[in-house]
C-alpha atoms as a PDB file:
ATOM      1  CA  MET A   1      78.522 -99.810-141.849  1.00  0.00           C
ATOM      2  CA  ASN A   2      80.950 -97.166-140.662  1.00  0.00           C
ATOM      3  CA  LYS A   3      82.395 -97.771-137.610  1.00  0.00           C
ATOM      4  CA  ALA A   4      83.496 -95.468-134.801  1.00  0.00           C
ATOM      5  CA  ILE A   5      87.781 -96.165-134.064  1.00  0.00           C
ATOM      6  CA  PHE A   6      89.128 -96.351-130.850  1.00  0.00           C
ATOM      7  CA  THR A   7      92.939 -95.393-130.072  1.00  0.00           C
ATOM      8  CA  ASN A   8      93.796 -96.679-126.711  1.00  0.00           C
ATOM      9  CA  GLY A   9      90.373 -96.907-125.608  1.00  0.00           C
ATOM     10  CA  ILE A  10      89.110 -93.523-126.637  1.00  0.00           C
ATOM     11  CA  VAL A  11      86.994 -92.937-129.492  1.00  0.00           C
ATOM     12  CA  SER A  12      87.188 -90.536-132.140  1.00  0.00           C
ATOM     13  CA  GLN A  13      84.258 -88.610-133.062  1.00  0.00           C
ATOM     14  CA  GLY A  14      83.217 -85.530-134.819  1.00  0.00           C
ATOM     15  CA  PHE A  15      86.056 -85.465-137.037  1.00  0.00           C
ATOM     16  CA  TYR A  16      88.320 -87.725-139.099  1.00  0.00           C
ATOM     17  CA  PRO A  17      89.961 -90.822-137.045  1.00  0.00           C
ATOM     18  CA  ALA A  18      93.216 -90.726-135.635  1.00  0.00           C
ATOM     19  CA  SER A  19      93.717 -87.208-136.730  1.00  0.00           C
ATOM     20  CA  HIS A  20      96.551 -86.454-134.963  1.00  0.00           C
ATOM     21  CA  LEU A  21      98.499 -89.128-136.323  1.00  0.00           C
ATOM     22  CA  MET A  22      98.707 -89.515-140.005  1.00  0.00           C
ATOM     23  CA  HIS A  23      98.373 -87.071-142.823  1.00  0.00           C
ATOM     24  CA  PRO A  24      94.277 -87.657-143.479  1.00  0.00           C
ATOM     25  CA  ARG A  25      94.939 -88.483-147.325  1.00  0.00           C
ATOM     26  CA  SER A  26      97.164 -91.281-146.514  1.00  0.00           C
ATOM     27  CA  THR A  27      96.023 -95.084-145.901  1.00  0.00           C
ATOM     28  CA  THR A  28      96.929 -97.358-143.356  1.00  0.00           C
ATOM     29  CA  HIS A  29      99.646 -99.325-145.415  1.00  0.00           C
ATOM     30  CA  HIS A  30     101.683 -96.337-146.348  1.00  0.00           C
ATOM     31  CA  TYR A  31     102.496 -95.216-143.098  1.00  0.00           C
ATOM     32  CA  PHE A  32     101.993 -98.104-140.748  1.00  0.00           C
ATOM     33  CA  LYS A  33     102.788-101.327-142.316  1.00  0.00           C
ATOM     34  CA  THR A  34     106.527-101.038-142.853  1.00  0.00           C
ATOM     35  CA  ARG A  35     107.443 -97.626-141.275  1.00  0.00           C
ATOM     36  CA  PRO A  36     107.575 -95.874-137.836  1.00  0.00           C
ATOM     37  CA  CYS A  37     104.454 -93.785-136.984  1.00  0.00           C
ATOM     38  CA  LEU A  38     105.051 -90.431-138.645  1.00  0.00           C
ATOM     39  CA  LEU A  39     103.302 -86.912-138.545  1.00  0.00           C
ATOM     40  CA  GLY A  40     104.571 -85.753-141.679  1.00  0.00           C
ATOM     41  CA  ASN A  41     108.448 -85.230-140.753  1.00  0.00           C
ATOM     42  CA  VAL A  42     107.945 -85.496-137.049  1.00  0.00           C
ATOM     43  CA  ALA A  43     109.494 -88.703-135.979  1.00  0.00           C
ATOM     44  CA  THR A  44     108.263 -91.530-133.992  1.00  0.00           C
ATOM     45  CA  ILE A  45     109.118 -90.006-130.368  1.00  0.00           C
ATOM     46  CA  ALA A  46     107.082 -86.834-131.342  1.00  0.00           C
ATOM     47  CA  CYS A  47     104.266 -89.094-132.246  1.00  0.00           C
ATOM     48  CA  ALA A  48     104.349 -91.039-128.966  1.00  0.00           C
ATOM     49  CA  ALA A  49     105.170 -88.268-126.669  1.00  0.00           C
ATOM     50  CA  VAL A  50     102.468 -85.786-127.650  1.00  0.00           C
ATOM     51  CA  PHE A  51      99.669 -87.999-128.550  1.00  0.00           C
ATOM     52  CA  MET A  52     100.265 -90.863-126.295  1.00  0.00           C
ATOM     53  CA  VAL A  53      99.202 -93.717-128.856  1.00  0.00           C
ATOM     54  CA  THR A  54     101.165 -96.188-130.284  1.00  0.00           C
ATOM     55  CA  CYS A  55     101.563 -97.189-134.210  1.00  0.00           C
ATOM     56  CA  ASN A  56      99.965-100.537-133.104  1.00  0.00           C
ATOM     57  CA  SER A  57      97.026 -99.724-131.678  1.00  0.00           C
ATOM     58  CA  VAL A  58      96.399 -97.135-134.777  1.00  0.00           C
ATOM     59  CA  GLU A  59      97.312 -99.923-137.141  1.00  0.00           C
ATOM     60  CA  ALA A  60      94.850-102.096-135.489  1.00  0.00           C
ATOM     61  CA  ALA A  61      91.903 -99.506-135.282  1.00  0.00           C
ATOM     62  CA  MET A  62      92.614 -98.477-138.832  1.00  0.00           C
ATOM     63  CA  LYS A  63      92.343-102.276-139.782  1.00  0.00           C
ATOM     64  CA  THR A  64      88.984-102.417-137.965  1.00  0.00           C
ATOM     65  CA  ALA A  65      87.324 -99.973-140.188  1.00  0.00           C
ATOM     66  CA  GLY A  66      89.290-100.384-143.430  1.00  0.00           C
ATOM     67  CA  GLU A  67      92.206 -98.656-145.056  1.00  0.00           C
ATOM     68  CA  GLN A  68      90.529 -95.455-145.504  1.00  0.00           C
ATOM     69  CA  PRO A  69      88.672 -94.057-142.452  1.00  0.00           C
ATOM     70  CA  ALA A  70      85.224 -92.883-142.875  1.00  0.00           C
ATOM     71  CA  ILE A  71      84.554 -89.422-141.429  1.00  0.00           C
ATOM     72  CA  ILE A  72      82.050 -89.710-138.638  1.00  0.00           C
ATOM     73  CA  SER A  73      80.088 -87.584-136.501  1.00  0.00           C
ATOM     74  CA  GLN A  74      77.769 -87.389-133.582  1.00  0.00           C
ATOM     75  CA  GLN A  75      75.097 -86.482-136.054  1.00  0.00           C
ATOM     76  CA  GLN A  76      75.505 -89.488-138.269  1.00  0.00           C
ATOM     77  CA  SER A  77      72.034 -89.883-139.638  1.00  0.00           C
ATOM     78  CA  PRO A  78      70.136 -86.122-139.916  1.00  0.00           C
ATOM     79  CA  SER A  79      66.414 -86.671-140.699  1.00  0.00           C
ATOM     80  CA  GLN A  80      66.452 -84.465-143.822  1.00  0.00           C
ATOM     81  CA  ALA A  81      69.285 -83.277-146.227  1.00  0.00           C
ATOM     82  CA  LEU A  82      69.763 -79.352-146.572  1.00  0.00           C
ATOM     83  CA  THR A  83      68.452 -77.366-149.271  1.00  0.00           C
ATOM     84  CA  LEU A  84      71.370 -75.948-151.543  1.00  0.00           C
ATOM     85  CA  GLN A  85      71.262 -72.616-149.873  1.00  0.00           C
ATOM     86  CA  GLN A  86      70.999 -73.828-146.427  1.00  0.00           C
ATOM     87  CA  TYR A  87      74.266 -75.906-147.074  1.00  0.00           C
ATOM     88  CA  LEU A  88      76.066 -72.894-148.770  1.00  0.00           C
ATOM     89  CA  ASP A  89      75.045 -70.689-145.685  1.00  0.00           C
ATOM     90  CA  LYS A  90      76.466 -73.159-143.260  1.00  0.00           C
ATOM     91  CA  VAL A  91      79.558 -73.873-145.142  1.00  0.00           C
ATOM     92  CA  SER A  92      80.151 -70.067-145.300  1.00  0.00           C
ATOM     93  CA  ALA A  93      79.865 -69.851-141.468  1.00  0.00           C
ATOM     94  CA  ILE A  94      81.985 -72.748-140.994  1.00  0.00           C
ATOM     95  CA  SER A  95      84.718 -71.381-143.486  1.00  0.00           C
ATOM     96  CA  SER A  96      84.574 -68.109-141.576  1.00  0.00           C
ATOM     97  CA  LEU A  97      85.502 -69.461-138.078  1.00  0.00           C
ATOM     98  CA  HIS A  98      88.559 -67.951-137.055  1.00  0.00           C
ATOM     99  CA  ASP A  99      90.850 -68.196-133.899  1.00  0.00           C
ATOM    100  CA  THR A 100      90.730 -64.607-132.466  1.00  0.00           C
ATOM    101  CA  LYS A 101      93.096 -65.414-129.210  1.00  0.00           C
ATOM    102  CA  THR A 102      96.258 -63.471-128.936  1.00  0.00           C
ATOM    103  CA  TYR A 103      99.462 -65.971-128.397  1.00  0.00           C
ATOM    104  CA  ASP A 104     102.982 -65.111-127.037  1.00  0.00           C
ATOM    105  CA  THR A 105     104.664 -68.136-129.068  1.00  0.00           C
ATOM    106  CA  VAL A 106     104.305 -68.959-132.560  1.00  0.00           C
ATOM    107  CA  ARG A 107     103.882 -72.564-131.531  1.00  0.00           C
ATOM    108  CA  SER A 108     100.957 -71.932-129.844  1.00  0.00           C
ATOM    109  CA  ALA A 109      99.286 -69.874-132.423  1.00  0.00           C
ATOM    110  CA  LEU A 110      99.944 -72.657-134.900  1.00  0.00           C
ATOM    111  CA  GLU A 111      98.250 -75.069-132.393  1.00  0.00           C
ATOM    112  CA  GLY A 112      95.382 -72.518-132.366  1.00  0.00           C
ATOM    113  CA  GLN A 113      94.890 -72.896-136.184  1.00  0.00           C
ATOM    114  CA  ALA A 114      94.969 -76.391-135.740  1.00  0.00           C
ATOM    115  CA  LYS A 115      92.228 -76.461-133.030  1.00  0.00           C
ATOM    116  CA  THR A 116      90.174 -74.045-135.122  1.00  0.00           C
ATOM    117  CA  TYR A 117      90.173 -76.345-137.989  1.00  0.00           C
ATOM    118  CA  ASP A 118      89.577 -79.083-135.869  1.00  0.00           C
ATOM    119  CA  LYS A 119      86.281 -77.155-134.961  1.00  0.00           C
ATOM    120  CA  GLN A 120      85.374 -76.800-138.883  1.00  0.00           C
ATOM    121  CA  VAL A 121      86.044 -80.423-139.340  1.00  0.00           C
ATOM    122  CA  GLN A 122      83.610 -81.556-136.755  1.00  0.00           C
ATOM    123  CA  GLN A 123      80.745 -79.129-138.214  1.00  0.00           C
ATOM    124  CA  ALA A 124      81.228 -79.766-141.591  1.00  0.00           C
ATOM    125  CA  ALA A 125      81.178 -83.622-141.198  1.00  0.00           C
ATOM    126  CA  ALA A 126      77.607 -83.312-139.205  1.00  0.00           C
ATOM    127  CA  LEU A 127      76.172 -81.738-142.330  1.00  0.00           C
ATOM    128  CA  LEU A 128      74.130 -83.977-144.650  1.00  0.00           C
ATOM    129  CA  PRO A 129      74.647 -82.125-148.168  1.00  0.00           C
ATOM    130  CA  PRO A 130      72.145 -81.363-150.775  1.00  0.00           C
ATOM    131  CA  GLU A 131      71.787 -83.834-153.683  1.00  0.00           C
ATOM    132  CA  GLU A 132      73.117 -80.988-155.725  1.00  0.00           C
ATOM    133  CA  ILE A 133      76.207 -81.169-154.097  1.00  0.00           C
ATOM    134  CA  GLY A 134      76.562 -84.399-153.393  1.00  0.00           C
ATOM    135  CA  GLN A 135      78.440 -86.634-150.977  1.00  0.00           C
ATOM    136  CA  ARG A 136      81.756 -86.925-152.832  1.00  0.00           C
ATOM    137  CA  ASN A 137      82.296 -82.820-153.247  1.00  0.00           C
ATOM    138  CA  HIS A 138      81.310 -82.346-149.490  1.00  0.00           C
ATOM    139  CA  ARG A 139      83.696 -85.277-148.764  1.00  0.00           C
ATOM    140  CA  LYS A 140      86.732 -83.163-150.410  1.00  0.00           C
ATOM    141  CA  LEU A 141      85.624 -80.128-148.271  1.00  0.00           C
ATOM    142  CA  VAL A 142      85.731 -82.194-144.919  1.00  0.00           C
ATOM    143  CA  MET A 143      88.880 -84.207-145.964  1.00  0.00           C
ATOM    144  CA  ALA A 144      90.881 -80.461-146.753  1.00  0.00           C
ATOM    145  CA  LEU A 145      89.667 -79.339-143.681  1.00  0.00           C
ATOM    146  CA  ALA A 146      91.132 -82.302-141.845  1.00  0.00           C
ATOM    147  CA  GLU A 147      94.416 -81.941-144.082  1.00  0.00           C
ATOM    148  CA  ASN A 148      94.404 -78.325-142.595  1.00  0.00           C
ATOM    149  CA  ALA A 149      94.487 -79.222-139.045  1.00  0.00           C
ATOM    150  CA  TRP A 150      96.901 -81.813-139.637  1.00  0.00           C
ATOM    151  CA  ALA A 151      99.420 -79.764-141.414  1.00  0.00           C
ATOM    152  CA  TYR A 152      99.088 -76.832-138.663  1.00  0.00           C
ATOM    153  CA  ARG A 153      99.725 -79.174-135.786  1.00  0.00           C
ATOM    154  CA  SER A 154     102.657 -80.637-137.577  1.00  0.00           C
ATOM    155  CA  ALA A 155     104.158 -77.226-138.161  1.00  0.00           C
ATOM    156  CA  ALA A 156     103.650 -76.549-134.383  1.00  0.00           C
ATOM    157  CA  LEU A 157     105.465 -79.629-133.381  1.00  0.00           C
ATOM    158  CA  GLN A 158     108.482 -78.563-135.602  1.00  0.00           C
ATOM    159  CA  THR A 159     108.432 -75.171-133.794  1.00  0.00           C
ATOM    160  CA  PRO A 160     110.764 -74.056-131.196  1.00  0.00           C
ATOM    161  CA  LYS A 161     108.498 -73.583-127.833  1.00  0.00           C
ATOM    162  CA  ASP A 162     109.807 -70.162-127.139  1.00  0.00           C
ATOM    163  CA  ALA A 163     109.948 -68.615-130.842  1.00  0.00           C
ATOM    164  CA  ALA A 164     107.815 -65.262-130.435  1.00  0.00           C
ATOM    165  CA  ASN A 165     104.520 -65.102-132.270  1.00  0.00           C
ATOM    166  CA  ASN A 166     105.179 -62.585-134.970  1.00  0.00           C
ATOM    167  CA  GLU A 167     105.232 -62.235-138.773  1.00  0.00           C
ATOM    168  CA  GLU A 168     108.475 -63.556-139.430  1.00  0.00           C
ATOM    169  CA  ASN A 169     108.305 -66.727-137.248  1.00  0.00           C
ATOM    170  CA  ASN A 170     104.689 -67.238-138.644  1.00  0.00           C
ATOM    171  CA  TYR A 171     106.198 -67.506-142.354  1.00  0.00           C
ATOM    172  CA  ARG A 172     109.299 -69.187-141.328  1.00  0.00           C
ATOM    173  CA  TYR A 173     107.669 -72.382-139.088  1.00  0.00           C
ATOM    174  CA  GLY A 174     104.278 -72.035-140.468  1.00  0.00           C
ATOM    175  CA  TYR A 175     105.586 -72.953-144.165  1.00  0.00           C
ATOM    176  CA  HIS A 176     108.912 -74.271-143.087  1.00  0.00           C
ATOM    177  CA  THR A 177     107.662 -77.325-145.388  1.00  0.00           C
ATOM    178  CA  ALA A 178     104.907 -77.322-148.211  1.00  0.00           C
ATOM    179  CA  ASP A 179     102.349 -79.292-146.157  1.00  0.00           C
ATOM    180  CA  VAL A 180     100.487 -76.086-144.846  1.00  0.00           C
ATOM    181  CA  GLY A 181     100.483 -74.881-148.718  1.00  0.00           C
ATOM    182  CA  TYR A 182      99.080 -78.041-149.787  1.00  0.00           C
ATOM    183  CA  GLY A 183      96.080 -77.933-147.279  1.00  0.00           C
ATOM    184  CA  ARG A 184      95.063 -74.456-147.991  1.00  0.00           C
ATOM    185  CA  GLY A 185      95.206 -75.280-151.807  1.00  0.00           C
ATOM    186  CA  ASP A 186      92.989 -78.459-151.099  1.00  0.00           C
ATOM    187  CA  GLN A 187      90.827 -76.408-149.093  1.00  0.00           C
ATOM    188  CA  ALA A 188      90.320 -73.607-152.125  1.00  0.00           C
ATOM    189  CA  ASP A 189      89.487 -75.943-154.658  1.00  0.00           C
ATOM    190  CA  ALA A 190      86.993 -77.955-152.492  1.00  0.00           C
ATOM    191  CA  LEU A 191      85.493 -74.392-151.972  1.00  0.00           C
ATOM    192  CA  CYS A 192      85.637 -73.566-155.682  1.00  0.00           C
ATOM    193  CA  ILE A 193      83.730 -76.782-156.829  1.00  0.00           C
ATOM    194  CA  ILE A 194      80.625 -75.887-154.148  1.00  0.00           C
ATOM    195  CA  ARG A 195      80.866 -72.076-155.461  1.00  0.00           C
ATOM    196  CA  ASN A 196      80.706 -73.531-159.067  1.00  0.00           C
ATOM    197  CA  ILE A 197      77.959 -75.643-158.485  1.00  0.00           C
ATOM    198  CA  ALA A 198      76.097 -72.902-156.679  1.00  0.00           C
ATOM    199  CA  LYS A 199      76.553 -70.645-159.869  1.00  0.00           C
ATOM    200  CA  LYS A 200      75.092 -73.289-162.018  1.00  0.00           C
ATOM    201  CA  TYR A 201      71.947 -73.344-159.941  1.00  0.00           C
ATOM    202  CA  GLY A 202      71.791 -69.259-159.311  1.00  0.00           C
ATOM    203  CA  SER A 203      72.951 -69.341-155.825  1.00  0.00           C
ATOM    204  CA  SER A 204      75.374 -66.872-154.318  1.00  0.00           C
ATOM    205  CA  PHE A 205      78.379 -68.445-152.813  1.00  0.00           C
ATOM    206  CA  THR A 206      81.744 -66.106-152.323  1.00  0.00           C
ATOM    207  CA  THR A 207      85.433 -67.651-151.629  1.00  0.00           C
ATOM    208  CA  LEU A 208      88.341 -66.304-151.304  1.00  0.00           C
ATOM    209  CA  GLY A 209      90.786 -66.346-154.344  1.00  0.00           C
ATOM    210  CA  ASP A 210      89.958 -66.800-158.079  1.00  0.00           C
ATOM    211  CA  CYS A 211      88.332 -70.212-158.811  1.00  0.00           C
ATOM    212  CA  ASP A 212      88.444 -69.383-162.590  1.00  0.00           C
ATOM    213  CA  ALA A 213      92.234 -69.528-162.464  1.00  0.00           C
ATOM    214  CA  ALA A 214      92.338 -72.975-161.852  1.00  0.00           C
ATOM    215  CA  GLY A 215      94.100 -75.226-164.459  1.00  0.00           C
ATOM    216  CA  GLU A 216      96.076 -72.121-166.025  1.00  0.00           C
ATOM    217  CA  THR A 217      99.758 -73.792-164.758  1.00  0.00           C
ATOM    218  CA  THR A 218     101.759 -74.138-167.738  1.00  0.00           C
ATOM    219  CA  PRO A 219     105.571 -75.577-167.826  1.00  0.00           C
ATOM    220  CA  GLY A 220     108.252 -73.131-167.864  1.00  0.00           C
ATOM    221  CA  ALA A 221     111.430 -73.150-169.654  1.00  0.00           C
ATOM    222  CA  ALA A 222     114.281 -75.850-169.368  1.00  0.00           C
ATOM    223  CA  VAL A 223     117.528 -74.797-168.372  1.00  0.00           C
ATOM    224  CA  GLY A 224     120.750 -76.712-168.584  1.00  0.00           C
ATOM    225  CA  THR A 225     121.528 -80.384-170.090  1.00  0.00           C
ATOM    226  CA  ALA A 226     123.621 -83.383-169.078  1.00  0.00           C
ATOM    227  CA  GLN A 227     126.402 -81.965-171.089  1.00  0.00           C
ATOM    228  CA  ASN A 228     126.143 -78.828-170.219  1.00  0.00           C
ATOM    229  CA  PRO A 229     124.783 -78.288-166.683  1.00  0.00           C
ATOM    230  CA  ILE A 230     123.984 -74.791-165.469  1.00  0.00           C
ATOM    231  CA  ASN A 231     124.706 -73.787-161.471  1.00  0.00           C
ATOM    232  CA  ASP A 232     123.975 -70.278-161.216  1.00  0.00           C
ATOM    233  CA  ILE A 233     120.013 -69.731-162.181  1.00  0.00           C
ATOM    234  CA  THR A 234     117.243 -66.901-162.058  1.00  0.00           C
ATOM    235  CA  ILE A 235     113.971 -66.845-162.119  1.00  0.00           C
ATOM    236  CA  VAL A 236     111.956 -63.949-162.507  1.00  0.00           C
ATOM    237  CA  HIS A 237     108.299 -63.951-161.212  1.00  0.00           C
ATOM    238  CA  ASP A 238     106.385 -61.469-163.066  1.00  0.00           C
ATOM    239  CA  VAL A 239     102.881 -60.368-162.222  1.00  0.00           C
ATOM    240  CA  VAL A 240      99.868 -61.306-164.094  1.00  0.00           C
ATOM    241  CA  PRO A 241      96.474 -59.266-164.357  1.00  0.00           C
ATOM    242  CA  GLY A 242      93.773 -59.282-161.621  1.00  0.00           C
ATOM    243  CA  PHE A 243      90.369 -60.279-161.754  1.00  0.00           C
ATOM    244  CA  VAL A 244      86.614 -59.231-161.176  1.00  0.00           C
ATOM    245  CA  ASP A 245      84.922 -61.525-158.545  1.00  0.00           C
ATOM    246  CA  ASP A 246      81.129 -62.475-158.239  1.00  0.00           C
ATOM    247  CA  ASN A 247      80.201 -59.065-156.857  1.00  0.00           C
ATOM    248  CA  GLY A 248      82.027 -57.035-159.423  1.00  0.00           C
ATOM    249  CA  ASN A 249      84.942 -56.118-157.489  1.00  0.00           C
ATOM    250  CA  TYR A 250      88.447 -56.053-158.985  1.00  0.00           C
ATOM    251  CA  LEU A 251      90.951 -58.143-157.016  1.00  0.00           C
ATOM    252  CA  PRO A 252      94.750 -58.756-157.892  1.00  0.00           C
ATOM    253  CA  ARG A 253      96.044 -61.966-158.515  1.00  0.00           C
ATOM    254  CA  PRO A 254      99.144 -63.733-157.269  1.00  0.00           C
ATOM    255  CA  ASN A 255     101.060 -65.345-160.331  1.00  0.00           C
ATOM    256  CA  VAL A 256     100.394 -69.180-159.462  1.00  0.00           C
ATOM    257  CA  ASN A 257     100.350 -70.182-163.381  1.00  0.00           C
ATOM    258  CA  GLY A 258     103.900 -71.927-162.475  1.00  0.00           C
ATOM    259  CA  PHE A 259     107.518 -71.199-162.159  1.00  0.00           C
ATOM    260  CA  GLU A 260     109.062 -69.162-165.440  1.00  0.00           C
ATOM    261  CA  ILE A 261     111.847 -72.214-165.461  1.00  0.00           C
ATOM    262  CA  SER A 262     110.485 -75.213-164.234  1.00  0.00           C
ATOM    263  CA  SER A 263     113.603 -77.902-165.305  1.00  0.00           C
ATOM    264  CA  ILE A 264     116.785 -77.213-164.168  1.00  0.00           C
ATOM    265  CA  THR A 265     119.827 -79.483-164.922  1.00  0.00           C
ATOM    266  CA  ALA A 266     122.903 -78.487-162.765  1.00  0.00           C
ATOM    267  CA  SER A 267     126.201 -79.944-161.829  1.00  0.00           C
ATOM    268  CA  SER A 268     127.373 -81.801-158.396  1.00  0.00           C
ATOM    269  CA  ARG A 269     130.698 -80.506-158.737  1.00  0.00           C
ATOM    270  CA  LYS A 270     130.000 -76.999-157.711  1.00  0.00           C
ATOM    271  CA  PRO A 271     127.600 -75.005-155.603  1.00  0.00           C
ATOM    272  CA  ILE A 272     123.838 -74.435-157.235  1.00  0.00           C
ATOM    273  CA  THR A 273     122.505 -71.062-156.866  1.00  0.00           C
ATOM    274  CA  ILE A 274     118.943 -70.464-157.675  1.00  0.00           C
ATOM    275  CA  THR A 275     117.837 -66.926-157.441  1.00  0.00           C
ATOM    276  CA  PHE A 276     113.895 -66.519-157.331  1.00  0.00           C
ATOM    277  CA  ASP A 277     113.143 -62.599-158.086  1.00  0.00           C
ATOM    278  CA  ASN A 278     109.263 -62.423-157.386  1.00  0.00           C
ATOM    279  CA  LEU A 279     107.778 -59.418-158.386  1.00  0.00           C
ATOM    280  CA  ASN A 280     104.292 -60.070-157.006  1.00  0.00           C
ATOM    281  CA  PRO A 281     103.377 -57.244-154.782  1.00  0.00           C
ATOM    282  CA  PRO A 282     101.494 -57.562-151.021  1.00  0.00           C
ATOM    283  CA  PRO A 283      99.736 -59.182-149.786  1.00  0.00           C
ATOM    284  CA  PHE A 284     101.082 -62.344-152.078  1.00  0.00           C
ATOM    285  CA  GLN A 285     103.501 -64.934-150.483  1.00  0.00           C
ATOM    286  CA  PHE A 286     106.293 -66.767-152.252  1.00  0.00           C
ATOM    287  CA  ASN A 287     109.395 -68.583-151.261  1.00  0.00           C
ATOM    288  CA  ILE A 288     111.516 -71.265-152.926  1.00  0.00           C
ATOM    289  CA  ALA A 289     112.539 -74.544-151.304  1.00  0.00           C
ATOM    290  CA  VAL A 290     114.276 -77.985-152.594  1.00  0.00           C
ATOM    291  CA  TYR A 291     113.134 -81.369-151.639  1.00  0.00           C
ATOM    292  CA  ARG A 292     114.780 -84.833-152.382  1.00  0.00           C
ATOM    293  CA  GLY A 293     112.954 -86.964-154.950  1.00  0.00           C
ATOM    294  CA  ASN A 294     110.145 -85.879-157.548  1.00  0.00           C
ATOM    295  CA  SER A 295     106.988 -87.323-155.922  1.00  0.00           C
ATOM    296  CA  PRO A 296     103.916 -85.842-156.878  1.00  0.00           C
ATOM    297  CA  ARG A 297     103.385 -84.153-153.446  1.00  0.00           C
ATOM    298  CA  VAL A 298     106.480 -83.512-151.649  1.00  0.00           C
ATOM    299  CA  GLN A 299     107.260 -84.481-148.326  1.00  0.00           C
ATOM    300  CA  GLY A 300     108.302 -82.632-145.446  1.00  0.00           C
ATOM    301  CA  TRP A 301     110.893 -84.966-144.255  1.00  0.00           C
ATOM    302  CA  GLU A 302     112.528 -84.654-147.933  1.00  0.00           C
ATOM    303  CA  LEU A 303     113.023 -80.907-147.745  1.00  0.00           C
ATOM    304  CA  VAL A 304     116.704 -79.976-148.203  1.00  0.00           C
ATOM    305  CA  ASP A 305     116.778 -76.211-147.675  1.00  0.00           C
ATOM    306  CA  GLY A 306     114.473 -73.316-148.504  1.00  0.00           C
ATOM    307  CA  THR A 307     113.906 -69.776-148.134  1.00  0.00           C
ATOM    308  CA  LEU A 308     112.020 -67.786-145.712  1.00  0.00           C
ATOM    309  CA  VAL A 309     108.642 -67.065-146.934  1.00  0.00           C
ATOM    310  CA  ALA A 310     108.276 -63.418-147.511  1.00  0.00           C
ATOM    311  CA  THR A 311     105.218 -60.733-148.621  1.00  0.00           C
ATOM    312  CA  GLY A 312     105.607 -58.716-151.537  1.00  0.00           C
ATOM    313  CA  GLN A 313     108.659 -58.337-153.622  1.00  0.00           C
ATOM    314  CA  LYS A 314     111.440 -59.994-152.670  1.00  0.00           C
ATOM    315  CA  VAL A 315     114.984 -61.676-154.489  1.00  0.00           C
ATOM    316  CA  HIS A 316     114.938 -65.134-152.613  1.00  0.00           C
ATOM    317  CA  VAL A 317     118.420 -66.476-152.956  1.00  0.00           C
ATOM    318  CA  LEU A 318     119.388 -70.567-152.474  1.00  0.00           C
ATOM    319  CA  LYS A 319     122.860 -71.797-152.515  1.00  0.00           C
ATOM    320  CA  LEU A 320     122.766 -75.618-152.442  1.00  0.00           C
ATOM    321  CA  LYS A 321     125.830 -78.176-152.924  1.00  0.00           C
ATOM    322  CA  LEU A 322     123.647 -81.334-153.879  1.00  0.00           C
ATOM    323  CA  ARG A 323     124.811 -85.013-154.676  1.00  0.00           C
ATOM    324  CA  PRO A 324     123.674 -86.276-158.256  1.00  0.00           C
ATOM    325  CA  GLY A 325     120.117 -87.200-158.310  1.00  0.00           C
ATOM    326  CA  VAL A 326     116.804 -85.716-158.667  1.00  0.00           C
ATOM    327  CA  TYR A 327     115.191 -83.233-156.868  1.00  0.00           C
ATOM    328  CA  THR A 328     111.899 -80.871-156.945  1.00  0.00           C
ATOM    329  CA  TYR A 329     111.774 -77.123-155.932  1.00  0.00           C
ATOM    330  CA  VAL A 330     108.360 -75.577-155.238  1.00  0.00           C
ATOM    331  CA  ASP A 331     107.265 -72.513-153.410  1.00  0.00           C
ATOM    332  CA  ASN A 332     105.634 -73.918-150.341  1.00  0.00           C
ATOM    333  CA  VAL A 333     102.561 -71.362-149.962  1.00  0.00           C
ATOM    334  CA  HIS A 334     101.409 -72.871-153.729  1.00  0.00           C
ATOM    335  CA  PRO A 335     103.240 -76.053-154.043  1.00  0.00           C
ATOM    336  CA  THR A 336     100.755 -77.877-156.198  1.00  0.00           C
ATOM    337  CA  PRO A 337     101.012 -74.996-159.044  1.00  0.00           C
ATOM    338  CA  MET A 338     104.656 -73.754-158.238  1.00  0.00           C
ATOM    339  CA  ARG A 339     106.976 -76.389-158.828  1.00  0.00           C
ATOM    340  CA  GLY A 340     110.014 -77.563-160.886  1.00  0.00           C
ATOM    341  CA  LYS A 341     112.419 -80.352-161.455  1.00  0.00           C
ATOM    342  CA  LEU A 342     116.247 -80.036-160.636  1.00  0.00           C
ATOM    343  CA  THR A 343     118.419 -82.658-161.836  1.00  0.00           C
ATOM    344  CA  VAL A 344     121.644 -82.703-160.760  1.00  0.00           C
ATOM    345  CA  VAL A 345     124.317 -84.977-162.811  1.00  0.00           C
ATOM    346  CA  LYS A 346     128.126 -85.593-162.017  1.00  0.00           C
END
């Protein structure tokens, strides 16, 4: 039986427990067994000061409910599951929730985004999906929405309080790390699963983006070797053909099939210059950022440096001086398909 989780005497209901304290896809032991309380790349002091809760209280609560906390809501036992069309209509309505407020600072705008995702999580977690969708696929959607709430809240905490709310700052701080990109990607994947199930049963469900493009990422070229490292690299990111959506409309498609160069070997003896020449037109956004290590998902606190996210055609130039080791470069907007390995040798 699922149990509600209490932190400092406050029960977490309607969305994932301890939502502001840890990444929703992480487990207790990863963050709380041997490490300080972290919110992405936000240190312990921010966690304690902003959310008024200790790591110990969270760890104790998580142990009570088990390593992977259950998503709970105020409607845990609806009398009847929704029909497929009812479910699709409700998910469409939930996904279309937007924050329409006007904010002076980008931090407030990012916090507003996080609160909107909190509402989406609450409403989605209260649904009992039909048999065609299944609990597992529904849970993927709820967890993706929860991940977005966490990512935007994390981004807000890293944003200067007085940074003006404009397009440049939204890109600068909203995509400072790949966290928001991962969240949006997971949400798109979850919605595409639902869309494909709906299509199988002859129901209509529209999602943003091209669900049929999934799985098209291909490895790029390898540049440089340990014996012949190359420190000046240019990656030209070309356009790809568009697609026709379920309503027969032709839509442009961003090239998220991977970097044209996905493996670089460079030397630590001189500066490294990576030029990322993006040819994709507006409204598509790209950047390039380098992280320490080569984990399946780069972590915010591993960020070395990155360019500002830009809309449309843009030549991104990243200059680095790195020690020997393994690094990962990604596009923060599409970090899952757009990634490469950078090996720095002596």
